[in-house]
Amino acid sequence: EMGKHLLLPLVILSLLLGFLQALYCFHCDRVNASGVCVSGERFCETTATEQCYVKKVYEGTTVLFGYQGCRNLCFPFMGCSHKYTVELTCCNSSSFCNKF
């Protein structure tokens, strides 16, 4: 009988811990136009306030280069200056959601 009383709190605790688990993200200091990491390739693990991100720099509709990793207080962004466009995408749906 005692085991039944412990079962529900254990299920709730395991669900809560599942939501609090850190995400793993692709990290790259520089991704080339072909989507290949050319500098600083590794993984990073998010903290409670971080998400995975991808940042791409375009000239027109052509990707020139980008970055990816873990980012604190990540907010999606798109900005243009002269002939370049910068797009920042954030995600926390699953580990490695920030594929370039």
N, C-alpha and C. Protein backbone atom coordinates (compact mmCIF):
# COMPACT_ATOMS: atom_id res chain seq x y z
N GLU A 1 0.83 -1.20 0.00
CA GLU A 1 0.00 0.00 0.00
C GLU A 1 0.87 1.26 0.00
N MET A 2 1.96 1.22 0.76
CA MET A 2 2.85 2.39 0.84
C MET A 2 3.45 2.72 -0.53
N GLY A 3 3.75 1.69 -1.33
CA GLY A 3 4.32 1.90 -2.65
C GLY A 3 3.41 2.69 -3.56
N LYS A 4 2.10 2.48 -3.45
CA LYS A 4 1.15 3.21 -4.29
C LYS A 4 1.15 4.70 -3.96
N HIS A 5 1.34 5.03 -2.68
CA HIS A 5 1.35 6.44 -2.27
C HIS A 5 2.59 7.15 -2.77
N LEU A 6 3.67 6.43 -2.96
CA LEU A 6 4.91 7.04 -3.45
C LEU A 6 4.94 7.15 -4.97
N LEU A 7 4.13 6.35 -5.64
CA LEU A 7 4.18 6.29 -7.09
C LEU A 7 3.82 7.62 -7.75
N LEU A 8 2.72 8.24 -7.35
CA LEU A 8 2.29 9.49 -7.99
C LEU A 8 3.33 10.61 -7.79
N PRO A 9 3.82 10.84 -6.56
CA PRO A 9 4.85 11.89 -6.42
C PRO A 9 6.11 11.60 -7.24
N LEU A 10 6.49 10.34 -7.37
CA LEU A 10 7.67 10.00 -8.17
C LEU A 10 7.43 10.27 -9.65
N VAL A 11 6.23 9.98 -10.14
CA VAL A 11 5.89 10.25 -11.53
C VAL A 11 5.92 11.76 -11.78
N ILE A 12 5.32 12.53 -10.87
CA ILE A 12 5.30 14.00 -11.01
C ILE A 12 6.72 14.55 -10.99
N LEU A 13 7.54 14.06 -10.06
CA LEU A 13 8.92 14.53 -9.96
C LEU A 13 9.70 14.22 -11.23
N SER A 14 9.52 13.03 -11.78
CA SER A 14 10.27 12.68 -12.99
C SER A 14 9.83 13.53 -14.17
N LEU A 15 8.53 13.88 -14.25
CA LEU A 15 8.05 14.76 -15.31
C LEU A 15 8.66 16.15 -15.17
N LEU A 16 8.69 16.66 -13.93
CA LEU A 16 9.26 17.99 -13.70
C LEU A 16 10.74 18.02 -14.06
N LEU A 17 11.46 16.99 -13.68
CA LEU A 17 12.89 16.95 -13.99
C LEU A 17 13.11 16.85 -15.49
N GLY A 18 12.22 16.19 -16.19
CA GLY A 18 12.31 16.11 -17.64
C GLY A 18 12.21 17.47 -18.28
N PHE A 19 11.33 18.33 -17.76
CA PHE A 19 11.18 19.68 -18.31
C PHE A 19 12.38 20.56 -18.00
N LEU A 20 13.07 20.26 -16.91
CA LEU A 20 14.19 21.10 -16.49
C LEU A 20 15.52 20.65 -17.09
N GLN A 21 15.51 19.57 -17.84
CA GLN A 21 16.76 19.08 -18.41
C GLN A 21 17.35 20.07 -19.40
N ALA A 22 18.65 20.15 -19.38
CA ALA A 22 19.34 21.04 -20.31
C ALA A 22 19.25 20.50 -21.73
N LEU A 23 19.33 21.42 -22.67
CA LEU A 23 19.40 21.06 -24.09
C LEU A 23 20.85 21.05 -24.53
N TYR A 24 21.15 20.25 -25.51
CA TYR A 24 22.45 20.31 -26.16
C TYR A 24 22.26 20.96 -27.52
N CYS A 25 23.19 21.83 -27.88
CA CYS A 25 23.09 22.57 -29.13
C CYS A 25 24.38 22.40 -29.93
N PHE A 26 24.24 22.49 -31.25
CA PHE A 26 25.42 22.59 -32.09
C PHE A 26 26.07 23.94 -31.80
N HIS A 27 27.40 23.98 -31.74
CA HIS A 27 28.12 25.24 -31.58
C HIS A 27 29.15 25.33 -32.68
N CYS A 28 29.20 26.48 -33.33
CA CYS A 28 30.21 26.71 -34.35
C CYS A 28 30.52 28.20 -34.40
N ASP A 29 31.79 28.55 -34.30
CA ASP A 29 32.20 29.95 -34.36
C ASP A 29 32.01 30.54 -35.75
N ARG A 30 32.08 29.69 -36.77
CA ARG A 30 31.85 30.17 -38.14
C ARG A 30 31.42 29.02 -39.04
N VAL A 31 30.23 29.17 -39.62
CA VAL A 31 29.69 28.21 -40.57
C VAL A 31 29.79 28.85 -41.95
N ASN A 32 30.32 28.11 -42.93
CA ASN A 32 30.46 28.70 -44.27
C ASN A 32 29.14 28.64 -45.04
N ALA A 33 29.15 29.16 -46.25
CA ALA A 33 27.93 29.25 -47.06
C ALA A 33 27.33 27.89 -47.38
N SER A 34 28.16 26.84 -47.35
CA SER A 34 27.67 25.48 -47.62
C SER A 34 27.10 24.80 -46.39
N GLY A 35 27.14 25.49 -45.25
CA GLY A 35 26.63 24.91 -44.01
C GLY A 35 27.64 24.06 -43.27
N VAL A 36 28.93 24.19 -43.64
CA VAL A 36 30.00 23.42 -43.00
C VAL A 36 30.68 24.28 -41.94
N CYS A 37 30.85 23.72 -40.75
CA CYS A 37 31.54 24.45 -39.68
C CYS A 37 33.04 24.49 -39.99
N VAL A 38 33.59 25.68 -40.07
CA VAL A 38 35.01 25.83 -40.40
C VAL A 38 35.84 26.29 -39.20
N SER A 39 35.18 26.63 -38.08
CA SER A 39 35.93 27.10 -36.92
C SER A 39 35.13 26.88 -35.64
N GLY A 40 35.77 26.26 -34.65
CA GLY A 40 35.17 26.13 -33.33
C GLY A 40 34.00 25.18 -33.23
N GLU A 41 34.08 24.05 -33.94
CA GLU A 41 32.97 23.09 -33.91
C GLU A 41 32.98 22.30 -32.61
N ARG A 42 31.85 22.33 -31.91
CA ARG A 42 31.67 21.56 -30.68
C ARG A 42 30.18 21.58 -30.33
N PHE A 43 29.86 21.11 -29.14
CA PHE A 43 28.49 21.18 -28.63
C PHE A 43 28.50 22.08 -27.41
N CYS A 44 27.35 22.64 -27.08
CA CYS A 44 27.22 23.38 -25.82
C CYS A 44 25.95 22.89 -25.13
N GLU A 45 25.90 23.10 -23.83
CA GLU A 45 24.75 22.70 -23.03
C GLU A 45 24.11 23.96 -22.46
N THR A 46 22.80 24.09 -22.64
CA THR A 46 22.12 25.30 -22.19
C THR A 46 21.96 25.31 -20.67
N THR A 47 21.88 26.52 -20.13
CA THR A 47 21.49 26.72 -18.74
C THR A 47 20.00 27.03 -18.73
N ALA A 48 19.45 27.35 -17.57
CA ALA A 48 18.01 27.57 -17.43
C ALA A 48 17.50 28.72 -18.30
N THR A 49 18.33 29.72 -18.55
CA THR A 49 17.87 30.90 -19.31
C THR A 49 18.36 30.91 -20.75
N GLU A 50 18.97 29.83 -21.20
CA GLU A 50 19.53 29.79 -22.55
C GLU A 50 18.70 28.93 -23.50
N GLN A 51 18.86 29.21 -24.79
CA GLN A 51 18.28 28.41 -25.86
C GLN A 51 19.36 28.17 -26.90
N CYS A 52 19.09 27.23 -27.80
CA CYS A 52 19.95 27.04 -28.96
C CYS A 52 19.64 28.16 -29.96
N TYR A 53 20.65 28.56 -30.74
CA TYR A 53 20.41 29.59 -31.75
C TYR A 53 21.19 29.31 -33.02
N VAL A 54 20.69 29.89 -34.11
CA VAL A 54 21.38 29.92 -35.39
C VAL A 54 21.33 31.37 -35.86
N LYS A 55 22.47 31.89 -36.28
CA LYS A 55 22.53 33.24 -36.84
C LYS A 55 23.08 33.12 -38.25
N LYS A 56 22.32 33.63 -39.23
CA LYS A 56 22.74 33.56 -40.63
C LYS A 56 22.86 34.96 -41.21
N VAL A 57 23.89 35.16 -42.01
CA VAL A 57 24.10 36.43 -42.70
C VAL A 57 23.91 36.19 -44.19
N TYR A 58 23.01 36.96 -44.78
CA TYR A 58 22.66 36.81 -46.20
C TYR A 58 23.10 38.03 -46.99
N GLU A 59 23.40 37.81 -48.26
CA GLU A 59 23.48 38.89 -49.24
C GLU A 59 22.39 38.57 -50.25
N GLY A 60 21.34 39.36 -50.26
CA GLY A 60 20.15 39.00 -51.04
C GLY A 60 19.52 37.77 -50.41
N THR A 61 19.37 36.71 -51.20
CA THR A 61 18.82 35.46 -50.66
C THR A 61 19.91 34.40 -50.48
N THR A 62 21.16 34.78 -50.67
CA THR A 62 22.28 33.84 -50.57
C THR A 62 22.91 33.91 -49.18
N VAL A 63 23.02 32.75 -48.52
CA VAL A 63 23.69 32.69 -47.22
C VAL A 63 25.19 32.87 -47.44
N LEU A 64 25.79 33.82 -46.72
CA LEU A 64 27.23 34.04 -46.80
C LEU A 64 27.97 33.23 -45.74
N PHE A 65 27.49 33.32 -44.50
CA PHE A 65 28.10 32.60 -43.38
C PHE A 65 27.16 32.67 -42.20
N GLY A 66 27.53 32.01 -41.11
CA GLY A 66 26.69 32.05 -39.92
C GLY A 66 27.40 31.52 -38.69
N TYR A 67 26.62 31.44 -37.63
CA TYR A 67 27.10 30.98 -36.33
C TYR A 67 25.99 30.14 -35.71
N GLN A 68 26.35 29.31 -34.74
CA GLN A 68 25.34 28.57 -33.98
C GLN A 68 25.90 28.24 -32.61
N GLY A 69 24.99 28.09 -31.63
CA GLY A 69 25.43 27.78 -30.29
C GLY A 69 24.32 27.94 -29.27
N CYS A 70 24.73 28.21 -28.02
CA CYS A 70 23.81 28.46 -26.91
C CYS A 70 23.78 29.96 -26.68
N ARG A 71 22.60 30.49 -26.40
CA ARG A 71 22.49 31.95 -26.23
C ARG A 71 21.57 32.26 -25.06
N ASN A 72 22.02 33.18 -24.22
CA ASN A 72 21.24 33.62 -23.07
C ASN A 72 20.15 34.59 -23.52
N LEU A 73 18.95 34.41 -23.00
CA LEU A 73 17.82 35.30 -23.33
C LEU A 73 17.72 35.53 -24.83
N CYS A 74 17.53 34.47 -25.55
CA CYS A 74 17.52 34.51 -27.01
C CYS A 74 16.20 35.04 -27.54
N PHE A 75 16.27 36.02 -28.42
CA PHE A 75 15.08 36.58 -29.06
C PHE A 75 15.27 36.51 -30.57
N PRO A 76 14.30 35.97 -31.30
CA PRO A 76 14.40 35.93 -32.77
C PRO A 76 14.54 37.34 -33.32
N PHE A 77 15.29 37.48 -34.40
CA PHE A 77 15.60 38.81 -34.92
C PHE A 77 15.88 38.72 -36.41
N MET A 78 15.46 39.73 -37.14
CA MET A 78 15.87 39.86 -38.53
C MET A 78 16.12 41.34 -38.78
N GLY A 79 17.31 41.64 -39.28
CA GLY A 79 17.66 43.03 -39.54
C GLY A 79 18.40 43.17 -40.85
N CYS A 80 18.22 44.32 -41.48
CA CYS A 80 18.86 44.58 -42.77
C CYS A 80 19.75 45.81 -42.66
N SER A 81 20.89 45.76 -43.32
CA SER A 81 21.74 46.94 -43.43
C SER A 81 22.40 46.90 -44.80
N HIS A 82 22.14 47.90 -45.60
CA HIS A 82 22.64 47.97 -46.97
C HIS A 82 22.24 46.71 -47.73
N LYS A 83 23.19 45.90 -48.14
CA LYS A 83 22.85 44.71 -48.93
C LYS A 83 22.86 43.43 -48.11
N TYR A 84 23.05 43.53 -46.79
CA TYR A 84 23.13 42.34 -45.95
C TYR A 84 21.91 42.20 -45.05
N THR A 85 21.51 40.96 -44.81
CA THR A 85 20.42 40.66 -43.88
C THR A 85 20.96 39.70 -42.83
N VAL A 86 20.64 39.97 -41.56
CA VAL A 86 21.03 39.09 -40.46
C VAL A 86 19.76 38.48 -39.88
N GLU A 87 19.77 37.16 -39.75
CA GLU A 87 18.61 36.45 -39.20
C GLU A 87 19.07 35.61 -38.01
N LEU A 88 18.44 35.83 -36.87
CA LEU A 88 18.73 35.05 -35.66
C LEU A 88 17.49 34.23 -35.32
N THR A 89 17.66 32.92 -35.22
CA THR A 89 16.57 32.01 -34.88
C THR A 89 16.92 31.30 -33.58
N CYS A 90 15.95 31.21 -32.67
CA CYS A 90 16.15 30.54 -31.39
C CYS A 90 15.25 29.31 -31.32
N CYS A 91 15.68 28.29 -30.60
CA CYS A 91 14.83 27.10 -30.43
C CYS A 91 15.16 26.40 -29.12
N ASN A 92 14.14 25.76 -28.57
CA ASN A 92 14.33 24.93 -27.38
C ASN A 92 13.42 23.71 -27.43
N SER A 93 13.03 23.32 -28.63
CA SER A 93 12.10 22.20 -28.81
C SER A 93 12.75 20.85 -28.53
N SER A 94 14.03 20.73 -28.86
CA SER A 94 14.75 19.48 -28.63
C SER A 94 16.24 19.75 -28.76
N SER A 95 17.04 18.85 -28.25
CA SER A 95 18.49 19.00 -28.41
C SER A 95 18.85 19.02 -29.89
N PHE A 96 19.84 19.82 -30.21
CA PHE A 96 20.36 19.97 -31.58
C PHE A 96 19.31 20.48 -32.56
N CYS A 97 18.37 21.29 -32.06
CA CYS A 97 17.33 21.87 -32.92
C CYS A 97 17.90 23.00 -33.78
N ASN A 98 19.14 23.43 -33.50
CA ASN A 98 19.73 24.57 -34.22
C ASN A 98 20.65 24.15 -35.36
N LYS A 99 20.24 23.13 -36.08
CA LYS A 99 21.03 22.69 -37.25
C LYS A 99 21.05 23.83 -38.27
N PHE A 100 22.22 24.07 -38.86
CA PHE A 100 22.37 25.21 -39.79
C PHE A 100 21.62 24.94 -41.07
